Amino acid sequence: MKSVLFFLGLGAGLFGLSALLKSRRDSGADLLDLNSASDKQLARLSGLPGELIERIIENRPYMTKIDLIGRRIIPDETYERIKHSIKAEHAA
């Protein structure tokens, strides 16, 4: 009986941790803003070459991050690599 309770508690704990990590990811707190990031910040993204960094900066502003592929700024494969690390904040 103790082992069943242990696994139920472990499952609940893991579920709580998963929910916490998802809420943090969804909050956008750690995401790089395409509209304000410097070239050095963009260079930290997964394998983003200098020519694409220049294109991202030259084609600002972005309404959404999907604009990167909708406006053909970067290839689809590159977008798939970086999409979880970026956001597009709207100017106030």
Protein backbone atom coordinates (compact mmCIF):
# COMPACT_ATOMS: atom_id res chain seq x y z
CA MET A 1 0.00 0.00 0.00
CA LYS A 2 2.88 2.36 0.79
CA SER A 3 4.33 1.88 -2.68
CA VAL A 4 1.00 2.78 -4.30
CA LEU A 5 0.79 5.96 -2.24
CA PHE A 6 4.41 6.75 -3.08
CA PHE A 7 3.76 6.47 -6.81
CA LEU A 8 0.56 8.50 -6.56
CA GLY A 9 2.46 11.22 -4.72
CA LEU A 10 5.30 11.07 -7.20
CA GLY A 11 2.86 11.35 -10.11
CA ALA A 12 1.13 14.35 -8.55
CA GLY A 13 4.49 16.00 -7.94
CA LEU A 14 5.60 15.46 -11.51
CA PHE A 15 2.29 16.78 -12.80
CA GLY A 16 2.72 19.92 -10.69
CA LEU A 17 6.28 20.40 -11.94
CA SER A 18 5.15 19.96 -15.53
CA ALA A 19 2.39 22.55 -15.06
CA LEU A 20 4.86 24.99 -13.48
CA LEU A 21 7.34 24.63 -16.34
CA LYS A 22 4.57 25.01 -18.94
CA SER A 23 3.24 28.17 -17.29
CA ARG A 24 6.73 29.64 -17.20
CA ARG A 25 7.29 28.78 -20.87
CA ASP A 26 3.90 30.17 -21.85
CA SER A 27 4.48 33.40 -19.95
CA GLY A 28 7.16 34.45 -22.42
CA ALA A 29 9.44 35.66 -19.64
CA ASP A 30 12.59 34.11 -21.10
CA LEU A 31 11.78 34.58 -24.78
CA LEU A 32 13.81 36.83 -27.05
CA ASP A 33 11.77 39.66 -28.59
CA LEU A 34 12.27 39.87 -32.36
CA ASN A 35 11.39 43.57 -32.40
CA SER A 36 13.95 44.71 -29.84
CA ALA A 37 16.71 42.09 -29.68
CA SER A 38 20.20 43.18 -30.63
CA ASP A 39 22.24 41.36 -33.24
CA LYS A 40 24.32 39.83 -30.42
CA GLN A 41 21.20 38.51 -28.70
CA LEU A 42 19.88 37.06 -31.95
CA ALA A 43 23.25 35.41 -32.57
CA ARG A 44 22.71 33.30 -29.45
CA LEU A 45 19.76 31.55 -31.09
CA SER A 46 20.37 28.03 -32.32
CA GLY A 47 22.69 28.28 -35.32
CA LEU A 48 21.37 31.55 -36.72
CA PRO A 49 23.88 32.82 -39.34
CA GLY A 50 24.75 36.50 -39.66
CA GLU A 51 22.86 36.98 -42.92
CA LEU A 52 19.59 35.84 -41.33
CA ILE A 53 20.19 38.03 -38.29
CA GLU A 54 20.57 41.04 -40.60
CA ARG A 55 17.35 40.11 -42.43
CA ILE A 56 15.44 39.80 -39.15
CA ILE A 57 16.60 43.24 -38.02
CA GLU A 58 16.03 44.91 -41.43
CA ASN A 59 12.45 43.63 -41.70
CA ARG A 60 11.17 44.80 -38.31
CA PRO A 61 8.58 45.24 -36.92
CA TYR A 62 6.87 41.86 -36.60
CA MET A 63 3.28 41.44 -35.47
CA THR A 64 3.82 37.76 -34.62
CA LYS A 65 6.80 35.45 -34.66
CA ILE A 66 5.28 33.47 -37.53
CA ASP A 67 5.91 36.56 -39.69
CA LEU A 68 9.48 35.26 -40.01
CA ILE A 69 8.33 32.53 -42.37
CA GLY A 70 5.18 34.22 -43.66
CA ARG A 71 7.29 37.09 -44.98
CA ARG A 72 10.07 34.69 -46.04
CA ILE A 73 12.68 36.18 -43.73
CA ILE A 74 14.07 32.81 -42.64
CA PRO A 75 13.62 29.23 -43.88
CA ASP A 76 10.99 26.98 -42.27
CA GLU A 77 13.67 24.67 -40.83
CA THR A 78 15.36 27.57 -39.05
CA TYR A 79 12.03 28.77 -37.67
CA GLU A 80 11.31 25.30 -36.27
CA ARG A 81 14.64 25.40 -34.39
CA ILE A 82 14.11 28.83 -32.82
CA LYS A 83 10.32 29.21 -32.46
CA HIS A 84 10.30 28.19 -28.79
CA SER A 85 12.91 30.82 -27.94
CA ILE A 86 11.34 33.91 -29.55
CA LYS A 87 8.34 36.23 -29.35
CA ALA A 88 7.15 39.37 -31.11
CA GLU A 89 6.10 42.09 -28.67
CA HIS A 90 3.87 44.77 -30.11
CA ALA A 91 5.09 48.33 -29.86
CA ALA A 92 3.04 50.46 -27.48
